[in-house]
């Protein structure tokens, strides 16, 4: 594909067309967790896997520009201070913001991802934009002042304060963050047409907040969701869609999750049923510990479920990813029976050699003594199907017996009411179909059953195998309706030239 000139310069002059507006791009911000590094390729996190799989240009010629941040505690002299005590978050947010103002153009789409404390950084980054806007490059010297304003007002629903409105009008003249701000600017200038800034998508894995010594004090405070009142950690209405994957089985108190508390309200405000699969804002709980949600350990069996779910939401919002070639996302199927633990102890890695016994003692206190069950989801609908699938598996198929985690105990009746959805159909003589690369249930139903609407029929026959109609992978063996064998023989000679790589029906 021929790379376009950044500004699409054309011939100009008398009788010639004027310069075309630059093509809108996607800016993708990826914030990794504490101690997670890009060169730790043996066990990459979900953030790394996603960042490495975003092509620089999509199929329509739109640039996709990735900003990757290794997260706090990754520099050789910061591993102890940054990971254990949260040093570096402010610098990381400001670095990402600086990248934003030097690269953002009106119309660009912003995607934001993060894992662990990197997820907290991602959400702080969005809150920073909501509070102070995207300042012009000419005013880049105002970043420090912008951060001071954010720290001063982030604990309040304050983007409409006169001080912030004036700051954004002065330093963000071509953009605004809300309809009310636009109306405010038009009071003085009826012709004002600033662009409305939006974050297209926010995808985060198991958000953990850590800001300086407050993180240590919070170790002894179970009310962890309120400990950072000076940072905006709710899901901002600046975001058009978002997904947060949360760990059910993480017990370290200093890894307590910072949850979104306004998901229902945002969905209702957007006109969606909060319980619908199509709701733009979702927060789901997954089986496993912290690393089993965000990756970074040797076992991807469970983390792939959370990776696929967050990635699917991003793709729905327009992000293009490479699932072929050298991409590590070519097969991200999960295993519901995979080990629940997938977090290597970061305090044992090289950074703690700087502090020796102090670091090891700190690890022992936190890792062994300061543990507690997470509160868990409020409703059964907040549990991801992958966790429900593990719940319904016989204990003999799991290394640690039946899956009955304490955070789900209060929802046992509601969970058990769904058991029938995960039982295989009482039919062992159905024809089967082997999924090929690039296929979907809609495509299979259209080609084999001559009716794409029958995709739901295929899904119902495979509910014990599939979490969602779109969650199929090459090599999956699907049960098909009884008439599929006859119909498939009728269409066997009707493959289009572009459908040479299709699956096969078996008896």
Protein backbone atom coordinates (compact mmCIF):
# COMPACT_ATOMS: atom_id res chain seq x y z
CA UNK A 1 0.00 0.00 0.00
CA UNK A 2 1.37 3.39 -0.99
CA UNK A 3 1.99 5.62 2.03
CA UNK A 4 0.16 8.89 1.77
CA UNK A 5 1.88 12.16 2.43
CA UNK A 6 0.94 13.26 5.93
CA UNK A 7 -0.85 16.37 4.73
CA UNK A 8 -2.01 14.97 1.38
CA UNK A 9 -0.46 17.86 -0.50
CA UNK A 10 -1.97 18.41 -3.95
CA UNK A 11 -1.40 20.85 -6.76
CA UNK A 12 -2.32 24.35 -5.71
CA UNK A 13 -2.63 27.53 -7.67
CA UNK A 14 -5.06 29.21 -10.03
CA UNK A 15 -7.84 26.86 -11.04
CA UNK A 16 -6.52 24.02 -8.90
CA UNK A 17 -8.18 22.25 -5.99
CA UNK A 18 -7.26 23.54 -2.52
CA UNK A 19 -5.32 21.44 -0.05
CA UNK A 20 -7.33 18.53 1.26
CA UNK A 21 -7.90 18.18 4.98
CA UNK A 22 -5.50 15.67 6.54
CA UNK A 23 -6.95 12.20 6.99
CA UNK A 24 -7.99 11.56 10.59
CA UNK A 25 -5.75 9.11 12.41
CA UNK A 26 -5.91 6.86 15.45
CA UNK A 27 -3.70 7.62 18.45
CA UNK A 28 -3.35 4.53 20.65
CA UNK A 29 -2.01 5.02 24.18
CA UNK A 30 -0.81 1.88 25.95
CA UNK A 31 0.18 2.01 29.63
CA UNK A 32 1.74 -1.13 31.08
CA UNK A 33 1.80 -2.18 34.71
CA UNK A 34 4.51 -1.85 37.34
CA UNK A 35 7.68 -3.82 36.52
CA UNK A 36 6.28 -4.76 33.08
CA UNK A 37 8.71 -4.00 30.27
CA UNK A 38 8.45 -4.12 26.49
CA UNK A 39 11.60 -6.23 26.18
CA UNK A 40 10.21 -8.88 28.55
CA UNK A 41 8.99 -10.68 25.44
CA UNK A 42 9.03 -14.15 26.97
CA UNK A 43 5.89 -13.38 28.95
CA UNK A 44 4.31 -10.25 27.46
CA UNK A 45 1.37 -8.54 29.10
CA UNK A 46 -1.90 -7.99 27.29
CA UNK A 47 -0.85 -4.36 26.81
CA UNK A 48 2.32 -5.44 24.97
CA UNK A 49 0.44 -8.00 22.88
CA UNK A 50 -2.06 -5.37 21.82
CA UNK A 51 0.50 -2.63 21.17
CA UNK A 52 2.64 -4.93 19.01
CA UNK A 53 -0.38 -6.01 16.96
CA UNK A 54 -1.57 -2.57 15.85
CA UNK A 55 -0.44 -2.02 12.24
CA UNK A 56 0.89 1.46 11.45
CA UNK A 57 -1.82 1.85 8.81
CA UNK A 58 -5.23 0.24 8.46
CA UNK A 59 -6.65 -1.18 5.26
CA UNK A 60 -8.21 2.15 4.35
CA UNK A 61 -4.94 4.05 4.63
CA UNK A 62 -5.58 5.59 8.05
CA UNK A 63 -2.50 5.97 10.23
CA UNK A 64 -2.51 4.21 13.61
CA UNK A 65 0.13 5.68 15.91
CA UNK A 66 1.03 3.81 19.11
CA UNK A 67 2.40 5.38 22.29
CA UNK A 68 3.69 2.69 24.68
CA UNK A 69 4.62 3.40 28.30
CA UNK A 70 6.46 0.72 30.27
CA UNK A 71 4.87 1.91 33.46
CA UNK A 72 6.18 2.87 36.85
CA UNK A 73 9.00 0.92 38.44
CA UNK A 74 10.69 -0.26 35.22
CA UNK A 75 13.81 1.93 35.15
CA UNK A 76 16.85 0.32 36.77
CA UNK A 77 16.90 2.88 39.58
CA UNK A 78 13.13 3.00 40.08
CA UNK A 79 12.04 -0.61 40.41
CA UNK A 80 11.65 -0.54 44.16
CA UNK A 81 10.53 3.07 44.55
CA UNK A 82 8.30 3.10 41.47
CA UNK A 83 6.66 -0.29 41.84
CA UNK A 84 6.23 -0.38 45.59
CA UNK A 85 5.55 3.29 46.24
CA UNK A 86 4.04 4.58 42.99
CA UNK A 87 6.83 6.93 41.90
CA UNK A 88 6.62 7.95 38.28
CA UNK A 89 2.89 8.03 37.61
CA UNK A 90 2.74 11.80 37.33
CA UNK A 91 5.70 11.85 34.94
CA UNK A 92 4.14 9.07 32.84
CA UNK A 93 0.82 10.90 32.51
CA UNK A 94 2.56 14.14 31.55
CA UNK A 95 4.76 12.36 29.01
CA UNK A 96 1.70 10.83 27.35
CA UNK A 97 -0.08 14.18 27.39
CA UNK A 98 2.94 15.85 25.81
CA UNK A 99 2.87 13.22 23.05
CA UNK A 100 -0.84 13.88 22.61
CA UNK A 101 -0.62 17.63 22.13
CA UNK A 102 2.27 17.32 19.66
CA UNK A 103 0.50 14.68 17.56
CA UNK A 104 -3.25 15.27 17.91
CA UNK A 105 -5.17 16.79 15.01
CA UNK A 106 -8.89 17.59 15.01
CA UNK A 107 -10.82 14.48 14.09
CA UNK A 108 -8.22 12.01 15.33
CA UNK A 109 -9.56 9.06 17.33
CA UNK A 110 -8.03 8.37 20.74
CA UNK A 111 -7.79 4.83 22.15
CA UNK A 112 -6.43 4.24 25.66
CA UNK A 113 -5.36 0.92 27.23
CA UNK A 114 -3.74 -0.05 30.51
CA UNK A 115 -3.01 -2.87 32.93
CA UNK A 116 -2.66 -2.75 36.72
CA UNK A 117 -1.17 0.57 37.78
CA UNK A 118 -0.87 1.31 34.08
CA UNK A 119 -4.67 1.08 33.94
CA UNK A 120 -4.83 3.63 36.72
CA UNK A 121 -2.40 5.79 34.73
CA UNK A 122 -4.63 5.39 31.65
CA UNK A 123 -7.71 6.49 33.54
CA UNK A 124 -5.85 9.40 35.12
CA UNK A 125 -4.69 10.41 31.64
CA UNK A 126 -8.32 10.54 30.45
CA UNK A 127 -9.35 12.49 33.51
CA UNK A 128 -6.53 14.95 32.84
CA UNK A 129 -7.82 15.52 29.28
CA UNK A 130 -11.38 15.98 30.55
CA UNK A 131 -10.22 18.57 33.08
CA UNK A 132 -7.79 20.67 31.04
CA UNK A 133 -8.53 19.77 27.42
CA UNK A 134 -5.91 19.24 24.71
CA UNK A 135 -3.84 22.39 24.79
CA UNK A 136 -2.33 23.77 21.59
CA UNK A 137 1.30 23.04 20.72
CA UNK A 138 2.07 26.73 21.01
CA UNK A 139 1.10 26.52 24.68
CA UNK A 140 3.06 23.36 25.50
CA UNK A 141 4.77 25.27 28.30
CA UNK A 142 1.42 25.21 30.12
CA UNK A 143 1.51 21.45 30.79
CA UNK A 144 2.79 21.93 34.33
CA UNK A 145 0.06 24.51 35.02
CA UNK A 146 -2.52 22.18 33.49
CA UNK A 147 -1.45 19.41 35.87
CA UNK A 148 -1.65 21.75 38.86
CA UNK A 149 -5.23 22.56 37.89
CA UNK A 150 -6.05 18.88 37.53
CA UNK A 151 -4.63 18.00 40.93
CA UNK A 152 -6.56 20.88 42.44
CA UNK A 153 -9.92 19.99 40.93
CA UNK A 154 -9.83 16.27 40.02
CA UNK A 155 -11.67 15.17 43.15
CA UNK A 156 -14.73 17.15 42.08
CA UNK A 157 -17.01 17.07 39.04
CA UNK A 158 -15.30 20.28 38.11
CA UNK A 159 -14.69 20.57 34.37
CA UNK A 160 -17.33 23.34 34.29
CA UNK A 161 -15.56 25.56 36.83
CA UNK A 162 -14.95 29.07 35.55
CA UNK A 163 -11.20 28.71 36.10
CA UNK A 164 -11.03 25.60 33.92
CA UNK A 165 -13.36 27.00 31.26
CA UNK A 166 -11.14 30.06 30.95
CA UNK A 167 -7.98 27.93 30.86
CA UNK A 168 -9.34 25.74 28.07
CA UNK A 169 -10.64 28.70 26.04
CA UNK A 170 -7.24 30.36 26.24
CA UNK A 171 -5.04 27.31 25.65
CA UNK A 172 -7.39 24.92 23.77
CA UNK A 173 -9.03 27.32 21.29
CA UNK A 174 -9.89 24.66 18.68
CA UNK A 175 -11.45 22.09 21.01
CA UNK A 176 -13.74 21.69 24.01
CA UNK A 177 -14.76 18.80 26.25
CA UNK A 178 -18.55 19.15 26.58
CA UNK A 179 -21.67 20.59 24.99
CA UNK A 180 -22.08 22.93 27.94
CA UNK A 181 -18.59 24.30 27.36
CA UNK A 182 -19.44 24.91 23.71
CA UNK A 183 -22.55 26.84 24.78
CA UNK A 184 -20.45 28.84 27.27
CA UNK A 185 -17.95 29.84 24.58
CA UNK A 186 -20.72 30.86 22.18
CA UNK A 187 -22.09 33.33 24.66
CA UNK A 188 -19.15 35.58 23.83
CA UNK A 189 -18.52 34.33 20.30
CA UNK A 190 -21.60 32.94 18.52
CA UNK A 191 -19.42 31.81 15.60
CA UNK A 192 -17.15 29.61 17.76
CA UNK A 193 -16.85 26.09 16.35
CA UNK A 194 -14.38 24.20 18.55
CA UNK A 195 -14.18 20.45 18.01
CA UNK A 196 -15.68 18.20 20.68
CA UNK A 197 -12.86 16.05 22.08
CA UNK A 198 -13.75 12.40 22.67
CA UNK A 199 -11.87 9.28 23.69
CA UNK A 200 -13.07 6.64 21.28
CA UNK A 201 -12.37 3.69 23.58
CA UNK A 202 -10.82 2.87 26.95
CA UNK A 203 -9.82 -0.75 27.63
CA UNK A 204 -8.22 -1.65 30.97
CA UNK A 205 -7.24 -4.79 32.83
CA UNK A 206 -7.55 -4.97 36.64
CA UNK A 207 -6.96 -1.35 37.59
CA UNK A 208 -4.81 -0.92 40.70
CA UNK A 209 -4.24 2.57 42.08
CA UNK A 210 -0.91 3.52 43.59
CA UNK A 211 0.17 7.09 44.22
CA UNK A 212 3.20 7.57 46.42
CA UNK A 213 3.10 6.72 50.13
CA UNK A 214 -0.70 6.69 50.07
CA UNK A 215 -0.39 3.20 48.56
CA UNK A 216 1.40 1.95 51.64
CA UNK A 217 -1.13 3.50 54.02
CA UNK A 218 -3.92 2.08 51.85
CA UNK A 219 -2.55 -1.41 52.45
CA UNK A 220 -4.18 -1.15 55.87
CA UNK A 221 -7.35 0.48 54.54
CA UNK A 222 -9.89 -1.90 53.00
CA UNK A 223 -11.94 1.03 51.67
CA UNK A 224 -9.57 1.18 48.70
CA UNK A 225 -11.98 2.69 46.21
CA UNK A 226 -11.89 6.08 47.99
CA UNK A 227 -8.21 6.36 48.81
CA UNK A 228 -7.26 8.49 45.82
CA UNK A 229 -9.83 11.25 46.01
CA UNK A 230 -7.44 13.63 44.25
CA UNK A 231 -7.59 11.64 41.01
CA UNK A 232 -10.48 11.13 38.60
CA UNK A 233 -10.84 7.34 38.39
CA UNK A 234 -14.48 7.05 37.41
CA UNK A 235 -15.18 6.30 33.78
CA UNK A 236 -15.36 9.73 32.19
CA UNK A 237 -18.22 10.69 29.90
CA UNK A 238 -15.47 11.82 27.55
CA UNK A 239 -15.16 8.10 26.65
CA UNK A 240 -17.48 6.76 23.96
CA UNK A 241 -17.05 3.10 24.97
CA UNK A 242 -15.02 1.25 27.57
CA UNK A 243 -14.35 -2.18 29.07
CA UNK A 244 -12.73 -3.06 32.39
CA UNK A 245 -11.69 -6.66 33.12
CA UNK A 246 -11.40 -7.39 36.87
CA UNK A 247 -9.80 -10.36 38.68
CA UNK A 248 -11.97 -12.47 40.97
CA UNK A 249 -9.16 -14.38 42.66
CA UNK A 250 -6.53 -11.74 43.47
CA UNK A 251 -6.15 -11.54 47.29
CA UNK A 252 -3.25 -9.14 47.85
CA UNK A 253 -4.63 -6.13 49.66
CA UNK A 254 -2.24 -3.74 47.92
CA UNK A 255 -3.70 -5.02 44.62
CA UNK A 256 -7.30 -4.21 45.46
CA UNK A 257 -9.12 -3.02 42.31
CA UNK A 258 -10.15 0.54 41.58
CA UNK A 259 -13.55 -0.09 40.05
CA UNK A 260 -15.72 1.97 37.77
CA UNK A 261 -18.78 2.95 39.80
CA UNK A 262 -20.80 4.72 37.12
CA UNK A 263 -21.11 2.12 34.35
CA UNK A 264 -24.88 1.78 34.67
CA UNK A 265 -25.42 5.54 34.66
CA UNK A 266 -23.31 6.04 31.54
CA UNK A 267 -25.13 3.28 29.65
CA UNK A 268 -28.54 4.68 30.57
CA UNK A 269 -27.43 8.20 29.58
CA UNK A 270 -26.29 6.80 26.22
CA UNK A 271 -29.68 5.14 25.68
CA UNK A 272 -28.58 1.52 26.25
CA UNK A 273 -29.86 -1.27 28.44
CA UNK A 274 -27.06 -1.67 31.03
CA UNK A 275 -27.48 -5.46 30.89
CA UNK A 276 -27.26 -5.70 27.10
CA UNK A 277 -24.25 -7.36 25.44
CA UNK A 278 -24.20 -4.32 23.18
CA UNK A 279 -23.88 -1.79 26.00
CA UNK A 280 -20.89 0.48 25.25
CA UNK A 281 -19.67 0.57 28.86
CA UNK A 282 -18.94 -2.75 30.55
CA UNK A 283 -17.11 -4.06 33.61
CA UNK A 284 -16.78 -7.83 33.92
CA UNK A 285 -15.15 -10.13 36.47
CA UNK A 286 -12.85 -12.92 35.29
CA UNK A 287 -11.43 -16.03 36.96
CA UNK A 288 -7.82 -15.79 38.09
CA UNK A 289 -5.42 -13.51 39.89
CA UNK A 290 -4.00 -10.17 38.74
CA UNK A 291 -1.68 -11.70 36.13
CA UNK A 292 -4.41 -14.03 34.89
CA UNK A 293 -6.29 -10.93 33.77
CA UNK A 294 -3.53 -8.70 32.38
CA UNK A 295 -0.92 -11.28 31.43
CA UNK A 296 2.81 -11.02 32.04
CA UNK A 297 3.23 -14.53 33.42
CA UNK A 298 4.03 -17.91 31.86
CA UNK A 299 0.37 -19.02 31.56
CA UNK A 300 -1.96 -17.31 29.06
CA UNK A 301 -4.84 -19.75 29.46
CA UNK A 302 -7.02 -17.34 31.44
CA UNK A 303 -5.53 -13.98 30.48
CA UNK A 304 -6.47 -14.64 26.87
CA UNK A 305 -10.14 -14.42 27.86
CA UNK A 306 -9.72 -10.90 29.23
CA UNK A 307 -7.45 -9.94 26.32
CA UNK A 308 -9.98 -11.09 23.74
CA UNK A 309 -12.89 -9.34 25.49
CA UNK A 310 -11.16 -5.96 25.80
CA UNK A 311 -9.74 -6.24 22.29
CA UNK A 312 -13.16 -7.11 20.82
CA UNK A 313 -14.57 -3.91 22.29
CA UNK A 314 -11.78 -1.89 20.68
CA UNK A 315 -12.32 -3.53 17.29
CA UNK A 316 -16.03 -2.72 17.51
CA UNK A 317 -15.03 0.93 17.92
CA UNK A 318 -12.84 0.86 14.82
CA UNK A 319 -9.34 -0.14 15.94
CA UNK A 320 -7.65 -2.39 13.41
CA UNK A 321 -5.31 -5.12 14.65
CA UNK A 322 -3.16 -7.64 12.85
CA UNK A 323 -4.26 -11.17 13.69
CA UNK A 324 -2.00 -12.84 11.15
CA UNK A 325 1.62 -12.81 10.10
CA UNK A 326 3.95 -12.43 13.09
CA UNK A 327 1.20 -11.27 15.44
CA UNK A 328 0.98 -13.11 18.76
CA UNK A 329 -2.79 -12.63 18.57
CA UNK A 330 -3.21 -15.25 15.86
CA UNK A 331 -4.73 -17.59 18.45
CA UNK A 332 -6.00 -16.05 21.69
CA UNK A 333 -8.41 -18.77 22.74
CA UNK A 334 -8.50 -19.27 26.49
CA UNK A 335 -8.67 -22.36 28.70
CA UNK A 336 -11.23 -22.21 31.49
CA UNK A 337 -9.28 -24.90 33.39
CA UNK A 338 -5.97 -23.02 33.34
CA UNK A 339 -4.17 -22.24 36.65
CA UNK A 340 -5.67 -19.36 38.62
CA UNK A 341 -2.22 -17.97 39.45
CA UNK A 342 -0.22 -16.26 36.74
CA UNK A 343 1.68 -13.50 38.49
CA UNK A 344 5.43 -13.80 38.95
CA UNK A 345 6.42 -11.99 42.14
CA UNK A 346 7.92 -8.70 40.88
CA UNK A 347 9.54 -7.93 44.19
CA UNK A 348 11.96 -10.80 43.62
CA UNK A 349 13.28 -9.40 40.34
CA UNK A 350 16.50 -7.47 39.77
CA UNK A 351 15.22 -4.13 40.97
CA UNK A 352 15.09 -5.29 44.55
CA UNK A 353 18.78 -6.03 44.57
CA UNK A 354 19.07 -2.28 45.13
CA UNK A 355 17.46 -2.61 48.54
CA UNK A 356 18.31 -6.19 49.43
CA UNK A 357 16.67 -7.43 52.62
CA UNK A 358 14.40 -4.37 52.80
CA UNK A 359 12.75 -5.29 49.53
CA UNK A 360 12.40 -8.95 50.48
CA UNK A 361 10.95 -8.06 53.87
CA UNK A 362 8.45 -5.71 52.24
CA UNK A 363 7.46 -8.49 49.83
CA UNK A 364 6.95 -10.95 52.66
CA UNK A 365 4.76 -8.60 54.68
CA UNK A 366 2.58 -7.66 51.75
CA UNK A 367 2.45 -11.04 50.02
CA UNK A 368 1.78 -13.23 53.06
CA UNK A 369 0.17 -11.16 55.77
CA UNK A 370 -1.86 -8.55 53.96
CA UNK A 371 -4.40 -10.58 52.04
CA UNK A 372 -8.16 -10.40 51.73
CA UNK A 373 -10.88 -11.51 49.35
CA UNK A 374 -12.13 -8.96 46.90
CA UNK A 375 -15.72 -7.83 47.27
CA UNK A 376 -16.68 -9.36 43.94
CA UNK A 377 -19.36 -8.36 41.43
CA UNK A 378 -22.69 -6.95 42.53
CA UNK A 379 -24.70 -9.07 40.09
CA UNK A 380 -24.28 -12.33 38.21
CA UNK A 381 -24.54 -10.39 34.95
CA UNK A 382 -21.20 -8.79 35.84
CA UNK A 383 -19.41 -12.16 35.63
CA UNK A 384 -17.75 -12.99 32.32
CA UNK A 385 -18.88 -16.28 30.72
CA UNK A 386 -15.33 -17.68 30.98
CA UNK A 387 -15.58 -17.53 34.79
CA UNK A 388 -19.03 -19.09 34.72
CA UNK A 389 -17.69 -21.85 32.52
CA UNK A 390 -15.03 -22.63 35.14
CA UNK A 391 -17.70 -22.60 37.87
CA UNK A 392 -19.67 -25.31 36.05
CA UNK A 393 -16.66 -27.52 35.31
CA UNK A 394 -16.33 -30.71 37.42
CA UNK A 395 -13.72 -30.41 40.15
CA UNK A 396 -11.90 -33.40 38.67
CA UNK A 397 -11.05 -31.29 35.62
CA UNK A 398 -9.49 -28.50 37.70
CA UNK A 399 -6.21 -28.73 39.54
CA UNK A 400 -7.63 -27.15 42.70
CA UNK A 401 -11.08 -28.72 42.85
CA UNK A 402 -14.45 -27.12 42.20
CA UNK A 403 -14.29 -23.41 41.46
CA UNK A 404 -16.19 -21.70 44.26
CA UNK A 405 -14.36 -18.42 44.99
CA UNK A 406 -15.46 -16.43 48.03
CA UNK A 407 -16.15 -13.22 46.01
CA UNK A 408 -18.92 -15.09 44.14
CA UNK A 409 -20.49 -16.87 47.12
CA UNK A 410 -23.30 -14.33 47.48
CA UNK A 411 -24.31 -14.91 43.86
CA UNK A 412 -24.42 -18.72 43.89
CA UNK A 413 -28.21 -19.04 43.34
CA UNK A 414 -28.12 -16.66 40.37
CA UNK A 415 -25.10 -18.45 38.90
CA UNK A 416 -26.63 -21.91 39.29
CA UNK A 417 -29.76 -20.69 37.50
CA UNK A 418 -27.60 -20.35 34.38
CA UNK A 419 -26.17 -23.89 34.48
CA UNK A 420 -28.44 -25.13 31.69
CA UNK A 421 -26.88 -22.59 29.32
CA UNK A 422 -23.49 -24.24 29.69
CA UNK A 423 -24.59 -27.87 29.42
CA UNK A 424 -23.96 -29.56 26.07
CA UNK A 425 -27.11 -30.42 24.09
CA UNK A 426 -28.44 -33.95 24.48
CA UNK A 427 -27.61 -34.70 20.87
CA UNK A 428 -24.50 -36.62 19.91
CA UNK A 429 -25.35 -37.36 16.28
CA UNK A 430 -25.29 -33.83 14.88
CA UNK A 431 -23.05 -32.94 11.95
CA UNK A 432 -19.99 -30.87 12.83
CA UNK A 433 -18.12 -28.07 11.16
CA UNK A 434 -14.42 -27.17 11.51
CA UNK A 435 -13.92 -23.42 11.58
CA UNK A 436 -11.35 -21.94 9.20
CA UNK A 437 -9.38 -18.71 9.52
CA UNK A 438 -11.41 -15.53 9.08
CA UNK A 439 -14.81 -17.13 9.53
CA UNK A 440 -17.73 -16.03 11.69
CA UNK A 441 -21.00 -17.71 12.62
CA UNK A 442 -22.81 -15.29 10.35
CA UNK A 443 -20.62 -16.30 7.41
CA UNK A 444 -20.91 -20.01 8.19
CA UNK A 445 -24.71 -19.78 8.47
CA UNK A 446 -24.94 -17.85 5.21
CA UNK A 447 -22.78 -20.30 3.25
CA UNK A 448 -23.76 -23.62 4.80
CA UNK A 449 -27.35 -23.01 5.89
CA UNK A 450 -28.21 -20.43 3.22
CA UNK A 451 -29.53 -18.12 5.94
CA UNK A 452 -27.21 -15.84 7.97
CA UNK A 453 -29.92 -15.37 10.61
CA UNK A 454 -29.47 -19.03 11.58
CA UNK A 455 -26.18 -18.09 13.26
CA UNK A 456 -28.12 -17.96 16.54
CA UNK A 457 -29.18 -21.55 15.97
CA UNK A 458 -25.55 -22.61 15.61
CA UNK A 459 -24.61 -20.64 18.72
CA UNK A 460 -27.37 -22.31 20.75
CA UNK A 461 -26.04 -25.75 19.81
CA UNK A 462 -22.58 -24.78 21.00
CA UNK A 463 -23.36 -22.72 24.10
CA UNK A 464 -21.19 -25.04 26.18
CA UNK A 465 -18.24 -24.21 23.92
CA UNK A 466 -18.75 -20.56 22.95
CA UNK A 467 -19.08 -17.46 25.14
CA UNK A 468 -20.36 -15.23 22.36
CA UNK A 469 -21.37 -15.71 18.71
CA UNK A 470 -18.25 -13.81 17.62
CA UNK A 471 -15.85 -15.84 19.77
CA UNK A 472 -14.81 -18.58 17.38
CA UNK A 473 -11.30 -19.57 16.34
CA UNK A 474 -9.74 -21.59 13.52
CA UNK A 475 -9.89 -25.27 14.36
CA UNK A 476 -13.00 -25.04 16.56
CA UNK A 477 -15.35 -27.97 15.93
CA UNK A 478 -18.94 -26.76 16.01
CA UNK A 479 -22.16 -28.75 16.14
CA UNK A 480 -24.47 -27.89 13.26
CA UNK A 481 -28.22 -28.27 12.65
CA UNK A 482 -29.21 -31.62 11.21
CA UNK A 483 -29.89 -30.22 7.76
CA UNK A 484 -26.37 -28.76 7.54
CA UNK A 485 -24.85 -31.89 5.97
CA UNK A 486 -27.37 -31.89 3.12
CA UNK A 487 -27.16 -28.17 2.58
CA UNK A 488 -23.36 -28.16 2.65
CA UNK A 489 -23.20 -30.72 -0.12
CA UNK A 490 -25.41 -28.48 -2.23
CA UNK A 491 -23.11 -25.51 -1.80
CA UNK A 492 -19.80 -27.38 -2.00
CA UNK A 493 -19.25 -26.20 -5.53
CA UNK A 494 -20.36 -22.64 -4.87
CA UNK A 495 -17.33 -21.26 -3.08
CA UNK A 496 -16.50 -17.76 -4.14
CA UNK A 497 -12.97 -16.99 -5.20
CA UNK A 498 -12.41 -15.09 -1.96
CA UNK A 499 -13.68 -17.98 0.16
CA UNK A 500 -11.21 -20.67 -0.76
CA UNK A 501 -10.10 -21.09 2.84
CA UNK A 502 -13.30 -22.35 4.41
CA UNK A 503 -14.11 -25.02 6.91
CA UNK A 504 -15.44 -28.49 6.28
CA UNK A 505 -18.55 -30.37 7.43
CA UNK A 506 -18.07 -33.71 9.16
CA UNK A 507 -20.48 -36.38 10.17
